[in-house]
N, C-alpha and C. Protein backbone atom coordinates (compact mmCIF):
# COMPACT_ATOMS: atom_id res chain seq x y z
N UNK A 1 23.63 -215.23 74.92
CA UNK A 1 23.98 -213.88 75.45
C UNK A 1 22.64 -213.27 75.74
N UNK A 2 22.69 -212.77 76.91
CA UNK A 2 21.43 -211.98 77.49
C UNK A 2 21.03 -210.83 76.76
N UNK A 3 21.99 -210.03 76.26
CA UNK A 3 21.65 -208.92 75.49
C UNK A 3 20.91 -209.20 74.17
N UNK A 4 21.49 -210.23 73.49
CA UNK A 4 20.83 -210.63 72.12
C UNK A 4 19.36 -211.15 72.47
N UNK A 5 19.20 -211.98 73.48
CA UNK A 5 17.88 -212.36 73.82
C UNK A 5 16.88 -211.31 74.24
N UNK A 6 17.44 -210.19 74.97
CA UNK A 6 16.59 -209.09 75.18
C UNK A 6 16.16 -208.36 73.97
N UNK A 7 17.17 -208.20 72.95
CA UNK A 7 16.90 -207.53 71.72
C UNK A 7 15.82 -208.28 70.91
N UNK A 8 15.88 -209.50 70.93
CA UNK A 8 14.81 -210.26 70.27
C UNK A 8 13.43 -210.13 70.97
N UNK A 9 13.43 -210.25 72.23
CA UNK A 9 12.22 -209.99 73.10
C UNK A 9 11.72 -208.64 72.88
N UNK A 10 12.50 -207.72 72.78
CA UNK A 10 12.12 -206.26 72.55
C UNK A 10 11.36 -206.18 71.27
N UNK A 11 11.98 -206.70 70.11
CA UNK A 11 11.39 -206.51 68.81
C UNK A 11 10.04 -207.29 68.88
N UNK A 12 9.87 -208.37 69.50
CA UNK A 12 8.63 -209.14 69.63
C UNK A 12 7.57 -208.17 70.34
N UNK A 13 7.93 -207.57 71.46
CA UNK A 13 7.08 -206.80 72.27
C UNK A 13 6.64 -205.60 71.43
N UNK A 14 7.51 -204.93 70.75
CA UNK A 14 7.10 -203.69 69.97
C UNK A 14 6.12 -204.12 68.81
N UNK A 15 6.43 -205.35 68.15
CA UNK A 15 5.49 -205.88 67.09
C UNK A 15 4.12 -206.05 67.71
N UNK A 16 4.08 -206.70 68.94
CA UNK A 16 2.82 -206.92 69.51
C UNK A 16 2.01 -205.66 69.88
N UNK A 17 2.74 -204.67 70.40
CA UNK A 17 2.12 -203.40 70.70
C UNK A 17 1.68 -202.73 69.29
N UNK A 18 2.49 -202.75 68.32
CA UNK A 18 2.01 -202.14 67.03
C UNK A 18 0.78 -202.85 66.54
N UNK A 19 0.62 -204.09 66.63
CA UNK A 19 -0.49 -204.89 66.15
C UNK A 19 -1.72 -204.54 66.97
N UNK A 20 -1.66 -204.27 68.28
CA UNK A 20 -2.75 -204.17 69.17
C UNK A 20 -3.29 -202.65 68.94
N UNK A 21 -2.45 -201.70 68.64
CA UNK A 21 -2.88 -200.38 68.46
C UNK A 21 -3.07 -200.01 66.95
N UNK A 22 -2.88 -200.83 66.06
CA UNK A 22 -3.01 -200.55 64.66
C UNK A 22 -4.45 -200.08 64.27
N UNK A 23 -5.41 -200.64 64.96
CA UNK A 23 -6.82 -200.41 64.56
C UNK A 23 -7.49 -199.23 65.29
N UNK A 24 -6.72 -198.69 66.33
CA UNK A 24 -7.20 -197.56 67.11
C UNK A 24 -7.29 -196.21 66.22
N UNK A 25 -8.35 -195.36 66.33
CA UNK A 25 -8.41 -194.23 65.61
C UNK A 25 -7.15 -193.34 65.78
N UNK A 26 -6.67 -192.76 64.59
CA UNK A 26 -5.56 -191.89 64.71
C UNK A 26 -4.24 -192.66 64.53
N UNK A 27 -4.27 -193.94 64.69
CA UNK A 27 -2.93 -194.61 64.74
C UNK A 27 -2.18 -194.94 63.39
N UNK A 28 -3.05 -194.79 62.31
CA UNK A 28 -2.46 -194.96 61.01
C UNK A 28 -1.43 -193.87 60.70
N UNK A 29 -1.73 -192.62 61.00
CA UNK A 29 -0.68 -191.63 60.75
C UNK A 29 0.49 -191.81 61.70
N UNK A 30 0.21 -192.22 62.92
CA UNK A 30 1.30 -192.39 63.91
C UNK A 30 2.12 -193.57 63.52
N UNK A 31 1.55 -194.58 62.86
CA UNK A 31 2.36 -195.70 62.49
C UNK A 31 3.49 -195.42 61.49
N UNK A 32 3.27 -194.34 60.73
CA UNK A 32 4.17 -194.13 59.63
C UNK A 32 5.63 -193.62 60.35
N UNK A 33 5.49 -192.90 61.53
CA UNK A 33 6.71 -192.51 62.27
C UNK A 33 6.96 -193.43 63.45
N UNK A 34 8.14 -194.10 63.47
CA UNK A 34 8.41 -195.08 64.40
C UNK A 34 8.53 -194.33 65.84
N UNK A 35 8.04 -195.01 66.90
CA UNK A 35 8.26 -194.27 68.17
C UNK A 35 9.77 -194.61 68.57
N UNK A 36 10.08 -193.56 69.35
CA UNK A 36 11.51 -193.71 69.92
C UNK A 36 11.48 -194.67 71.10
N UNK A 37 12.39 -195.58 71.19
CA UNK A 37 12.46 -196.51 72.16
C UNK A 37 13.94 -196.46 72.67
N UNK A 38 14.06 -196.22 74.09
CA UNK A 38 15.28 -195.97 74.74
C UNK A 38 15.29 -196.96 76.02
N UNK A 39 16.41 -197.47 76.43
CA UNK A 39 16.71 -198.23 77.52
C UNK A 39 16.65 -197.40 78.69
N UNK A 40 16.13 -197.74 79.81
CA UNK A 40 16.14 -196.89 81.07
C UNK A 40 17.51 -197.33 81.69
N UNK A 41 18.37 -196.41 81.93
CA UNK A 41 19.71 -196.66 82.46
C UNK A 41 19.58 -197.38 83.84
N UNK A 42 20.43 -198.39 84.01
CA UNK A 42 20.41 -199.04 85.32
C UNK A 42 19.39 -200.18 85.63
N UNK A 43 18.67 -200.49 84.50
CA UNK A 43 17.54 -201.54 84.77
C UNK A 43 17.93 -202.78 84.14
N UNK A 44 19.03 -203.11 83.57
CA UNK A 44 19.48 -204.34 82.93
C UNK A 44 19.75 -205.24 84.18
N UNK A 45 19.18 -206.37 84.11
CA UNK A 45 19.43 -207.36 85.20
C UNK A 45 19.34 -208.79 84.64
N UNK A 46 20.17 -209.70 85.14
CA UNK A 46 20.14 -211.06 84.96
C UNK A 46 19.77 -211.80 86.23
N UNK A 47 18.81 -212.55 86.28
CA UNK A 47 18.41 -213.22 87.52
C UNK A 47 17.37 -214.27 87.20
N UNK A 48 16.36 -214.40 88.04
CA UNK A 48 15.40 -215.45 87.91
C UNK A 48 14.01 -214.72 87.76
N UNK A 49 13.22 -215.34 86.88
CA UNK A 49 11.71 -215.01 86.86
C UNK A 49 10.95 -216.03 87.55
N UNK A 50 9.86 -215.67 88.15
CA UNK A 50 9.05 -216.68 88.76
C UNK A 50 7.78 -216.85 88.00
N UNK A 51 7.36 -218.17 87.83
CA UNK A 51 6.12 -218.49 87.17
C UNK A 51 5.50 -219.50 87.97
N UNK A 52 4.56 -219.27 88.74
CA UNK A 52 3.85 -220.20 89.61
C UNK A 52 4.90 -220.66 90.70
N UNK A 53 5.11 -221.84 90.78
CA UNK A 53 6.09 -222.42 91.69
C UNK A 53 7.41 -222.79 91.18
N UNK A 54 7.68 -222.21 89.94
CA UNK A 54 8.93 -222.52 89.24
C UNK A 54 9.70 -221.13 89.04
N UNK A 55 11.06 -221.24 89.00
CA UNK A 55 11.86 -220.16 88.64
C UNK A 55 12.70 -220.57 87.44
N UNK A 56 13.06 -219.64 86.60
CA UNK A 56 13.92 -219.81 85.53
C UNK A 56 14.80 -218.63 85.27
N UNK A 57 16.11 -218.91 84.73
CA UNK A 57 17.00 -217.81 84.55
C UNK A 57 16.50 -216.83 83.44
N UNK A 58 16.55 -215.54 83.62
CA UNK A 58 16.02 -214.70 82.50
C UNK A 58 16.83 -213.25 82.84
N UNK A 59 16.71 -212.54 81.65
CA UNK A 59 17.32 -211.30 81.65
C UNK A 59 16.07 -210.23 81.52
N UNK A 60 16.34 -209.05 82.04
CA UNK A 60 15.26 -208.08 81.83
C UNK A 60 15.81 -206.68 81.82
N UNK A 61 15.13 -205.69 81.20
CA UNK A 61 15.38 -204.32 81.29
C UNK A 61 14.18 -203.58 81.07
N UNK A 62 14.13 -202.34 81.46
CA UNK A 62 13.04 -201.45 81.33
C UNK A 62 13.22 -200.55 80.11
N UNK A 63 12.36 -200.41 79.22
CA UNK A 63 12.36 -199.64 78.07
C UNK A 63 11.35 -198.37 78.19
N UNK A 64 11.62 -197.31 77.48
CA UNK A 64 10.63 -196.17 77.47
C UNK A 64 10.27 -196.06 75.99
N UNK A 65 9.09 -195.99 75.73
CA UNK A 65 8.54 -195.79 74.37
C UNK A 65 7.72 -194.56 74.28
N UNK A 66 8.05 -193.75 73.21
CA UNK A 66 7.26 -192.43 73.02
C UNK A 66 7.77 -191.75 71.88
N UNK A 67 7.05 -190.72 71.37
CA UNK A 67 7.32 -189.87 70.35
C UNK A 67 8.47 -188.96 70.85
N UNK A 68 9.55 -188.63 70.08
CA UNK A 68 10.52 -187.71 70.48
C UNK A 68 9.95 -186.28 70.88
N UNK A 69 8.81 -185.97 70.21
CA UNK A 69 8.29 -184.63 70.51
C UNK A 69 7.10 -184.55 71.46
N UNK A 70 6.90 -185.71 71.99
CA UNK A 70 5.66 -185.88 72.97
C UNK A 70 6.24 -185.81 74.50
N UNK A 71 5.39 -185.35 75.37
CA UNK A 71 5.77 -185.47 76.70
C UNK A 71 5.19 -186.69 77.38
N UNK A 72 4.38 -187.48 76.73
CA UNK A 72 3.92 -188.65 77.08
C UNK A 72 4.59 -189.78 76.66
N UNK A 73 5.01 -190.74 77.62
CA UNK A 73 5.91 -191.92 77.24
C UNK A 73 5.34 -192.94 78.13
N UNK A 74 5.57 -194.16 77.67
CA UNK A 74 5.28 -195.35 78.57
C UNK A 74 6.47 -196.20 78.77
N UNK A 75 6.52 -196.80 79.82
CA UNK A 75 7.62 -197.73 80.18
C UNK A 75 7.10 -199.23 80.24
N UNK A 76 7.80 -200.10 79.66
CA UNK A 76 7.51 -201.59 79.62
C UNK A 76 8.74 -202.41 79.99
N UNK A 77 8.60 -203.37 80.80
CA UNK A 77 9.68 -204.35 80.94
C UNK A 77 9.71 -205.33 79.90
N UNK A 78 11.02 -205.51 79.46
CA UNK A 78 11.26 -206.56 78.38
C UNK A 78 11.96 -207.63 79.10
N UNK A 79 11.43 -208.92 79.05
CA UNK A 79 11.92 -210.18 79.78
C UNK A 79 12.25 -211.17 78.73
N UNK A 80 13.38 -211.69 78.90
CA UNK A 80 13.89 -212.77 78.01
C UNK A 80 14.32 -213.98 78.77
N UNK A 81 13.65 -215.13 78.68
CA UNK A 81 14.13 -216.34 79.28
C UNK A 81 15.49 -216.80 78.71
N UNK A 82 16.39 -217.21 79.58
CA UNK A 82 17.73 -217.68 79.09
C UNK A 82 17.78 -219.17 79.11
N UNK A 83 16.85 -219.84 79.91
CA UNK A 83 16.83 -221.26 79.78
C UNK A 83 15.43 -221.65 80.40
N UNK A 84 14.94 -222.70 79.97
CA UNK A 84 13.71 -223.30 80.42
C UNK A 84 13.69 -224.77 80.49
């Protein structure tokens, strides 16, 4: 199921982002409140991802990450391979 694969890939991406930013100044207080994560409408796709000279089936979607009370948000692609 592409959506389940994307959910697992999204959890992994968010964990990696949290680990990278955990040691930055001011992030300890920010880590207590989870950032709001929303799917960007119309960006869910199932197709192929290219890696070098090879292509493999994958699903992807764009997510927006940010605090609900902040005007600054970041967007990240979540990509989940469906077969390799």
